[in-house]
């Protein structure tokens, strides 16, 4: 193409683009929304027609905006008025700010009143931030999901390239007593909510709130605010004596800072079993002994729990003969497999050993041995799945796990 023809062609393209932009820059008072953008490198304006009662989910807006004062429950005038610039360089005036209920449990805050608009905009970022939720956009609809929503809510449906929320004016903006919402089929699994007559309670004072709080099974006051109540929000500032008693939980156990300074100063003892299948040589239980200082572990297979005490005494003799040391403290739970309390007290007293026991139903105080049991069983199960030996060899797997754990950090 000669340079003269190329210059003429470029001039015609620029002229056509300018003409399209002037045609798209219509009066903002018309029933359209101007979404400026580039489509196939052609800077045109996309005009999307919307019903006056619908709300457009817009990720490019900076604020929630509405043009009809009927929608507002709070309506605060701005002095002086604000001017905001639109993507098409028009400036519009904002005269009021307030709150707009979309549904009984969805109250948009900080909504700007723009009299010259003919559409309602929901700013996606502010919406997600206010309700602590996620908006999931698909080809057909928009889902609201998050910690504050028990089941996914179909918030809007796609139409002409935008997502519209079309609540009923009677339901959402006047009585807020019910709402009906549906959507076209979507690739995402959706929960379509249809509420015809939700609970409505008449409350006149703070004492009435407390009465309804008891009737509703001590429902949290924050949850009661979501029910349609004809009362002030200040009436919910109540204190219930029953709720803390019903919802109290056990405090976590603090870390133990007791450290021994040598081996065999303190040992932890506990039994485990019975196993669902005995070993091939008849063992159903095992006794675990852990040194507190070195974490060295001894595991003894037992055919019966009654053999635990005699096995423990054999271990004490082994330590004295082989290592020249004497056990000073033995810590265990209150299990009876080690013998009766009188028998234990008499034996430990004769050997000069201090016997420490945990509180009843408090295995956390014997956490060293409990964690060791978990480590042994996890390693043993790993060996089982790897070797695929019969279940009756669980005793050998346990002894192998003890051998490996003792030799590696």
Protein backbone atom coordinates (compact mmCIF):
# COMPACT_ATOMS: atom_id res chain seq x y z
CA UNK A 1 0.00 0.00 0.00
CA UNK A 2 1.46 3.41 -0.96
CA UNK A 3 2.16 5.85 1.88
CA UNK A 4 -0.64 8.20 0.74
CA UNK A 5 -3.27 5.43 0.82
CA UNK A 6 -2.04 4.20 4.22
CA UNK A 7 -2.34 7.74 5.65
CA UNK A 8 -5.89 8.09 4.29
CA UNK A 9 -6.84 4.67 5.69
CA UNK A 10 -5.48 5.58 9.14
CA UNK A 11 -7.42 8.84 9.06
CA UNK A 12 -10.66 6.99 8.24
CA UNK A 13 -10.10 4.50 11.09
CA UNK A 14 -9.49 7.30 13.62
CA UNK A 15 -12.57 9.16 12.36
CA UNK A 16 -14.74 6.02 12.73
CA UNK A 17 -13.48 5.40 16.28
CA UNK A 18 -14.15 9.02 17.29
CA UNK A 19 -17.66 8.80 15.82
CA UNK A 20 -18.39 5.61 17.79
CA UNK A 21 -17.14 7.21 21.02
CA UNK A 22 -19.37 10.28 20.52
CA UNK A 23 -22.37 8.05 19.85
CA UNK A 24 -21.70 6.02 23.02
CA UNK A 25 -21.25 9.07 25.26
CA UNK A 26 -24.99 9.46 25.82
CA UNK A 27 -26.62 11.37 28.66
CA UNK A 28 -26.15 9.59 31.98
CA UNK A 29 -29.81 10.26 32.74
CA UNK A 30 -30.84 7.69 30.15
CA UNK A 31 -31.65 4.18 31.31
CA UNK A 32 -28.13 2.89 30.60
CA UNK A 33 -24.84 2.29 32.34
CA UNK A 34 -21.63 3.38 30.63
CA UNK A 35 -18.84 0.83 31.09
CA UNK A 36 -15.77 2.18 29.31
CA UNK A 37 -13.35 -0.37 27.92
CA UNK A 38 -11.39 -1.65 24.95
CA UNK A 39 -12.94 -4.42 22.87
CA UNK A 40 -10.67 -5.83 20.14
CA UNK A 41 -8.54 -2.68 20.45
CA UNK A 42 -11.57 -0.53 19.64
CA UNK A 43 -12.16 2.07 22.39
CA UNK A 44 -15.95 1.88 22.41
CA UNK A 45 -18.42 2.16 25.27
CA UNK A 46 -20.47 -0.86 26.22
CA UNK A 47 -24.09 0.07 26.95
CA UNK A 48 -26.03 -2.41 29.06
CA UNK A 49 -29.73 -1.87 29.62
CA UNK A 50 -30.97 -2.74 33.09
CA UNK A 51 -34.27 -2.53 34.95
CA UNK A 52 -34.59 0.36 37.36
CA UNK A 53 -35.10 -2.02 40.30
CA UNK A 54 -32.08 -4.20 39.54
CA UNK A 55 -28.61 -3.89 41.02
CA UNK A 56 -25.49 -4.36 38.91
CA UNK A 57 -22.53 -6.21 40.44
CA UNK A 58 -19.61 -4.04 39.33
CA UNK A 59 -15.98 -4.84 40.09
CA UNK A 60 -14.81 -1.55 38.57
CA UNK A 61 -16.91 0.80 40.67
CA UNK A 62 -15.51 2.61 43.69
CA UNK A 63 -18.70 2.85 45.80
CA UNK A 64 -22.18 1.42 46.08
CA UNK A 65 -24.51 3.80 44.22
CA UNK A 66 -28.29 4.16 43.92
CA UNK A 67 -30.61 6.74 42.40
CA UNK A 68 -33.90 6.09 44.29
CA UNK A 69 -34.34 7.39 47.88
CA UNK A 70 -37.10 4.82 48.47
CA UNK A 71 -34.49 2.09 48.78
CA UNK A 72 -32.68 3.72 51.72
CA UNK A 73 -33.40 2.97 55.37
CA UNK A 74 -30.92 5.62 56.54
CA UNK A 75 -30.55 8.78 54.47
CA UNK A 76 -27.87 11.25 55.59
CA UNK A 77 -27.39 14.47 53.58
CA UNK A 78 -23.89 15.47 52.51
CA UNK A 79 -22.88 19.06 52.97
CA UNK A 80 -21.39 20.10 50.66
CA UNK A 81 -22.38 17.66 47.93
CA UNK A 82 -19.71 15.53 46.30
CA UNK A 83 -18.86 15.19 42.64
CA UNK A 84 -17.64 11.89 41.24
CA UNK A 85 -16.13 11.37 37.80
CA UNK A 86 -17.43 8.56 35.59
CA UNK A 87 -15.29 6.58 33.11
CA UNK A 88 -16.76 8.63 30.24
CA UNK A 89 -15.51 11.87 31.89
CA UNK A 90 -19.01 12.93 33.02
CA UNK A 91 -19.33 14.29 36.55
CA UNK A 92 -22.38 13.49 38.69
CA UNK A 93 -23.46 14.88 42.05
CA UNK A 94 -23.79 12.83 45.24
CA UNK A 95 -26.21 14.42 47.70
CA UNK A 96 -26.81 11.74 50.36
CA UNK A 97 -25.30 8.59 51.83
CA UNK A 98 -27.04 5.77 53.67
CA UNK A 99 -27.89 2.09 54.01
CA UNK A 100 -29.95 -0.06 51.64
CA UNK A 101 -31.42 -3.49 52.55
CA UNK A 102 -31.10 -5.91 49.65
CA UNK A 103 -32.64 -8.79 51.59
CA UNK A 104 -33.66 -9.12 55.26
CA UNK A 105 -30.12 -10.20 56.17
CA UNK A 106 -28.16 -8.14 53.63
CA UNK A 107 -27.85 -4.45 54.50
CA UNK A 108 -25.55 -2.48 52.22
CA UNK A 109 -23.75 0.30 54.06
CA UNK A 110 -22.25 3.55 52.76
CA UNK A 111 -24.39 3.64 49.63
CA UNK A 112 -24.12 6.90 47.67
CA UNK A 113 -27.33 8.54 46.45
CA UNK A 114 -26.84 9.82 42.89
CA UNK A 115 -30.08 11.47 41.65
CA UNK A 116 -28.91 11.66 38.03
CA UNK A 117 -28.31 7.90 37.81
CA UNK A 118 -30.85 5.43 36.46
CA UNK A 119 -29.06 2.29 37.64
CA UNK A 120 -27.95 0.85 40.98
CA UNK A 121 -24.36 -0.32 41.43
CA UNK A 122 -22.88 -2.75 43.96
CA UNK A 123 -19.12 -2.43 44.36
CA UNK A 124 -17.85 -6.03 44.57
CA UNK A 125 -14.82 -5.27 46.78
CA UNK A 126 -16.79 -3.36 49.43
CA UNK A 127 -19.51 -6.03 49.35
CA UNK A 128 -17.02 -8.85 50.03
CA UNK A 129 -15.26 -6.81 52.72
CA UNK A 130 -18.49 -5.90 54.55
CA UNK A 131 -20.01 -9.39 54.58
CA UNK A 132 -16.72 -11.35 54.85
CA UNK A 133 -17.62 -13.48 51.85
CA UNK A 134 -16.46 -14.56 48.42
CA UNK A 135 -18.28 -13.91 45.16
CA UNK A 136 -17.90 -16.70 42.62
CA UNK A 137 -18.75 -15.73 39.05
CA UNK A 138 -19.78 -18.35 36.49
CA UNK A 139 -21.19 -18.08 32.99
CA UNK A 140 -24.79 -18.01 34.25
CA UNK A 141 -24.76 -16.61 37.78
CA UNK A 142 -22.87 -15.16 40.74
CA UNK A 143 -22.67 -17.10 44.01
CA UNK A 144 -22.12 -15.63 47.47
CA UNK A 145 -20.10 -17.95 49.68
CA UNK A 146 -18.11 -17.60 52.89
CA UNK A 147 -18.04 -18.03 56.68
CA UNK A 148 -21.04 -15.73 57.11
CA UNK A 149 -23.17 -17.77 54.66
CA UNK A 150 -24.27 -21.26 55.72
CA UNK A 151 -25.17 -22.35 52.17
CA UNK A 152 -24.16 -20.75 48.86
CA UNK A 153 -26.56 -17.95 47.89
CA UNK A 154 -27.31 -17.12 44.27
CA UNK A 155 -26.72 -13.40 44.38
CA UNK A 156 -27.15 -12.46 40.72
CA UNK A 157 -27.55 -13.85 37.24
CA UNK A 158 -25.72 -12.99 34.05
CA UNK A 159 -27.55 -10.91 31.46
CA UNK A 160 -26.07 -9.21 28.41
CA UNK A 161 -22.54 -9.57 29.76
CA UNK A 162 -23.18 -8.20 33.26
CA UNK A 163 -24.39 -9.70 36.53
CA UNK A 164 -27.74 -8.41 37.78
CA UNK A 165 -29.29 -8.76 41.19
CA UNK A 166 -33.05 -8.34 40.82
CA UNK A 167 -34.76 -8.42 44.21
CA UNK A 168 -38.45 -7.73 44.59
CA UNK A 169 -39.06 -4.15 45.74
CA UNK A 170 -41.98 -5.24 47.91
CA UNK A 171 -39.94 -7.93 49.61
CA UNK A 172 -36.60 -6.25 50.02
CA UNK A 173 -37.22 -2.55 50.34
CA UNK A 174 -40.63 -2.22 51.99
CA UNK A 175 -41.66 -5.05 54.30
CA UNK A 176 -38.51 -7.18 54.11
CA UNK A 177 -40.74 -10.06 55.20
CA UNK A 178 -39.90 -12.52 52.44
CA UNK A 179 -37.93 -12.88 49.28
CA UNK A 180 -37.93 -15.19 46.30
CA UNK A 181 -34.81 -15.62 44.24
CA UNK A 182 -33.96 -17.99 41.45
CA UNK A 183 -31.36 -18.28 38.76
CA UNK A 184 -30.72 -19.96 35.48
CA UNK A 185 -28.89 -23.26 35.50
CA UNK A 186 -25.19 -23.00 36.22
CA UNK A 187 -22.16 -25.21 35.98
CA UNK A 188 -21.66 -24.65 39.70
CA UNK A 189 -23.78 -26.41 42.28
CA UNK A 190 -26.11 -23.74 43.61
CA UNK A 191 -28.58 -23.49 46.47
CA UNK A 192 -31.68 -21.64 45.39
CA UNK A 193 -33.28 -19.99 48.36
CA UNK A 194 -37.02 -19.44 48.55
CA UNK A 195 -38.33 -18.01 51.81
CA UNK A 196 -42.03 -17.25 51.90
CA UNK A 197 -42.60 -16.27 55.52
CA UNK A 198 -39.50 -16.09 57.74
CA UNK A 199 -39.74 -15.60 61.47
CA UNK A 200 -40.90 -12.15 62.54
CA UNK A 201 -40.86 -11.18 66.21
CA UNK A 202 -42.31 -8.14 67.90
CA UNK A 203 -39.96 -6.73 70.53
CA UNK A 204 -40.50 -3.51 72.40
CA UNK A 205 -37.92 -3.51 75.18
CA UNK A 206 -34.71 -5.11 76.34
CA UNK A 207 -36.60 -7.47 78.65
CA UNK A 208 -38.53 -8.81 75.65
CA UNK A 209 -35.23 -9.54 73.92
CA UNK A 210 -34.09 -11.56 76.94
CA UNK A 211 -37.36 -13.51 76.95
CA UNK A 212 -37.03 -14.38 73.27
CA UNK A 213 -33.37 -15.23 73.88
CA UNK A 214 -34.49 -17.90 76.37
CA UNK A 215 -37.35 -19.15 74.17
CA UNK A 216 -34.97 -19.61 71.23
CA UNK A 217 -32.63 -21.84 73.24
CA UNK A 218 -30.24 -19.05 74.25
CA UNK A 219 -29.49 -18.11 70.66
CA UNK A 220 -26.51 -15.72 70.48
CA UNK A 221 -27.57 -12.08 70.43
CA UNK A 222 -25.56 -11.50 67.25
CA UNK A 223 -27.65 -14.19 65.54
CA UNK A 224 -30.87 -12.69 66.89
CA UNK A 225 -30.02 -9.45 65.10
CA UNK A 226 -30.50 -11.30 61.80
CA UNK A 227 -34.13 -12.07 62.64
CA UNK A 228 -36.77 -9.61 61.49
CA UNK A 229 -37.37 -7.67 64.72
CA UNK A 230 -39.29 -4.46 65.23
CA UNK A 231 -36.86 -3.07 67.78
CA UNK A 232 -33.76 -0.97 68.10
CA UNK A 233 -30.36 -2.63 67.79
CA UNK A 234 -29.45 -1.21 71.21
CA UNK A 235 -31.90 -3.62 72.87
CA UNK A 236 -29.54 -6.48 72.04
CA UNK A 237 -26.86 -5.21 74.45
CA UNK A 238 -27.82 -7.81 77.06
CA UNK A 239 -25.87 -10.10 79.36
CA UNK A 240 -27.02 -13.68 79.96
CA UNK A 241 -25.78 -15.63 83.00
CA UNK A 242 -26.66 -19.02 81.52
CA UNK A 243 -24.77 -18.79 78.22
CA UNK A 244 -21.23 -18.75 79.71
CA UNK A 245 -22.08 -21.77 81.86
CA UNK A 246 -23.48 -23.72 78.91
CA UNK A 247 -20.64 -22.86 76.53
CA UNK A 248 -17.64 -23.18 78.80
CA UNK A 249 -14.79 -25.39 77.60
CA UNK A 250 -11.73 -26.88 79.22
CA UNK A 251 -8.72 -24.58 79.19
CA UNK A 252 -5.64 -25.84 77.34
CA UNK A 253 -2.86 -27.36 79.40
CA UNK A 254 0.28 -25.29 79.81
CA UNK A 255 3.67 -26.58 78.76
CA UNK A 256 5.72 -28.40 81.38
CA UNK A 257 9.05 -26.76 82.10
CA UNK A 258 10.29 -29.53 84.43
CA UNK A 259 13.56 -30.91 83.06
CA UNK A 260 15.53 -33.78 84.53
CA UNK A 261 19.33 -33.55 84.68
CA UNK A 262 20.31 -37.17 84.11
CA UNK A 263 19.17 -40.55 82.92
CA UNK A 264 16.93 -42.72 85.11
CA UNK A 265 16.01 -39.78 87.34
CA UNK A 266 12.42 -40.01 86.08
CA UNK A 267 10.70 -42.61 83.93
CA UNK A 268 7.21 -42.62 82.41
CA UNK A 269 5.22 -45.87 82.42
CA UNK A 270 1.97 -46.86 80.70
CA UNK A 271 0.27 -49.86 79.10
CA UNK A 272 -1.58 -50.07 75.79
CA UNK A 273 -4.18 -52.57 74.60
CA UNK A 274 -5.78 -54.82 74.09
CA UNK A 275 -5.10 -55.18 70.39
CA UNK A 276 -7.99 -56.44 68.26
CA UNK A 277 -5.94 -59.46 67.16
CA UNK A 278 -3.36 -61.22 69.33
CA UNK A 279 0.11 -61.90 68.01
CA UNK A 280 1.02 -65.33 66.70
CA UNK A 281 2.51 -66.10 70.16
CA UNK A 282 -0.48 -64.81 72.16
CA UNK A 283 0.39 -61.21 73.15
CA UNK A 284 -2.45 -58.65 73.31
CA UNK A 285 -0.90 -55.73 75.25
CA UNK A 286 2.40 -53.94 75.58
CA UNK A 287 4.11 -51.96 78.34
CA UNK A 288 6.05 -48.82 77.40
CA UNK A 289 8.76 -47.26 79.59
CA UNK A 290 10.32 -43.92 78.58
CA UNK A 291 13.28 -42.24 80.26
CA UNK A 292 12.47 -38.54 80.71
CA UNK A 293 16.02 -37.27 80.11
CA UNK A 294 17.14 -39.31 77.10
CA UNK A 295 13.69 -40.35 75.80
CA UNK A 296 15.10 -43.88 75.49
CA UNK A 297 12.20 -46.30 75.16
CA UNK A 298 11.64 -49.89 76.26
CA UNK A 299 8.66 -51.89 74.98
CA UNK A 300 7.51 -55.19 76.49
CA UNK A 301 4.81 -57.38 74.96
CA UNK A 302 2.27 -58.69 77.47
CA UNK A 303 -0.26 -61.49 77.29
CA UNK A 304 -2.23 -59.90 80.14
CA UNK A 305 -2.29 -56.54 81.89
CA UNK A 306 -1.69 -58.26 85.19
CA UNK A 307 1.87 -58.97 84.03
CA UNK A 308 2.71 -55.26 83.84
CA UNK A 309 3.81 -54.86 87.48
CA UNK A 310 6.16 -57.85 87.45
CA UNK A 311 7.64 -56.64 84.14
CA UNK A 312 8.24 -53.19 85.66
CA UNK A 313 10.08 -54.73 88.60
CA UNK A 314 12.27 -56.72 86.20
CA UNK A 315 13.09 -53.45 84.40
CA UNK A 316 14.15 -51.80 87.68
CA UNK A 317 16.51 -54.68 88.40
CA UNK A 318 17.89 -54.48 84.83
CA UNK A 319 18.70 -50.77 85.18
CA UNK A 320 20.44 -51.31 88.51
CA UNK A 321 22.56 -54.24 87.31
CA UNK A 322 23.44 -53.09 83.81
CA UNK A 323 23.73 -49.33 84.25
CA UNK A 324 24.58 -49.01 87.93
CA UNK A 325 21.72 -46.56 88.44
CA UNK A 326 18.56 -46.52 90.48
CA UNK A 327 15.24 -45.11 89.40
CA UNK A 328 14.22 -42.18 91.58
CA UNK A 329 10.77 -41.22 90.25
CA UNK A 330 8.14 -43.22 88.35
CA UNK A 331 5.25 -41.36 86.73
CA UNK A 332 2.10 -43.18 85.57
CA UNK A 333 -1.63 -42.79 85.43
CA UNK A 334 -4.05 -44.32 87.95
CA UNK A 335 -4.46 -47.56 85.98
CA UNK A 336 -4.91 -50.66 88.11
CA UNK A 337 -2.79 -52.88 85.84
CA UNK A 338 0.29 -51.96 87.90
CA UNK A 339 -1.40 -53.39 90.98
CA UNK A 340 -3.46 -51.97 93.79
CA UNK A 341 -2.57 -48.66 95.36
CA UNK A 342 -1.56 -50.32 98.63
CA UNK A 343 0.74 -52.81 96.89
CA UNK A 344 2.40 -50.10 94.79
CA UNK A 345 2.89 -47.78 97.74
CA UNK A 346 4.45 -50.53 99.83
CA UNK A 347 6.84 -51.63 97.07
CA UNK A 348 7.96 -48.14 96.00
CA UNK A 349 8.43 -47.15 99.64
CA UNK A 350 10.68 -50.15 100.22
CA UNK A 351 12.75 -49.22 97.14
CA UNK A 352 12.92 -45.50 97.93
CA UNK A 353 11.09 -44.59 94.71
CA UNK A 354 8.68 -41.65 94.43
CA UNK A 355 5.51 -42.61 92.56
CA UNK A 356 3.77 -39.73 90.77
CA UNK A 357 0.27 -40.26 89.38
CA UNK A 358 -1.86 -38.07 87.13
CA UNK A 359 -5.28 -36.73 87.98
CA UNK A 360 -8.24 -38.91 87.07
CA UNK A 361 -9.22 -38.72 83.37
CA UNK A 362 -6.32 -36.37 82.64
CA UNK A 363 -3.94 -38.13 80.23
CA UNK A 364 -2.44 -34.74 79.29
CA UNK A 365 -0.38 -34.86 82.49
CA UNK A 366 1.31 -37.98 81.18
CA UNK A 367 1.86 -36.51 77.73
CA UNK A 368 5.39 -37.90 77.24
CA UNK A 369 4.22 -41.51 77.23
CA UNK A 370 1.03 -40.72 75.29
CA UNK A 371 3.00 -39.08 72.48
CA UNK A 372 5.47 -41.97 72.51
CA UNK A 373 2.58 -44.41 72.04
CA UNK A 374 1.38 -42.45 69.04
CA UNK A 375 4.88 -42.39 67.53
CA UNK A 376 5.32 -46.13 68.02
CA UNK A 377 1.94 -46.99 66.53
CA UNK A 378 2.42 -44.68 63.53
CA UNK A 379 5.78 -46.25 62.73
CA UNK A 380 4.36 -49.72 63.28
CA UNK A 381 1.47 -49.08 60.89
CA UNK A 382 3.89 -47.76 58.28
CA UNK A 383 5.89 -50.99 58.53
CA UNK A 384 2.66 -52.98 58.21
CA UNK A 385 1.55 -51.24 55.02
CA UNK A 386 5.04 -51.53 53.57
CA UNK A 387 5.71 -55.20 54.36
CA UNK A 388 2.13 -56.50 53.97
CA UNK A 389 2.80 -59.17 56.60
CA UNK A 390 -0.15 -60.73 58.47
CA UNK A 391 -1.71 -58.72 61.27
CA UNK A 392 -0.57 -61.32 63.80
CA UNK A 393 2.98 -59.94 63.44
CA UNK A 394 2.07 -56.57 64.98
CA UNK A 395 4.24 -57.37 68.01
CA UNK A 396 7.36 -57.73 65.89
CA UNK A 397 6.51 -54.53 64.03
CA UNK A 398 6.17 -52.71 67.36
CA UNK A 399 9.52 -53.95 68.64
CA UNK A 400 11.13 -52.98 65.31
CA UNK A 401 9.61 -49.50 65.57
CA UNK A 402 11.04 -49.14 69.09
CA UNK A 403 14.48 -50.25 67.86
CA UNK A 404 14.45 -47.69 65.04
CA UNK A 405 13.16 -44.79 67.14
CA UNK A 406 15.82 -45.35 69.82
CA UNK A 407 18.63 -45.08 67.28
CA UNK A 408 17.59 -41.99 65.40
CA UNK A 409 16.83 -38.46 66.64
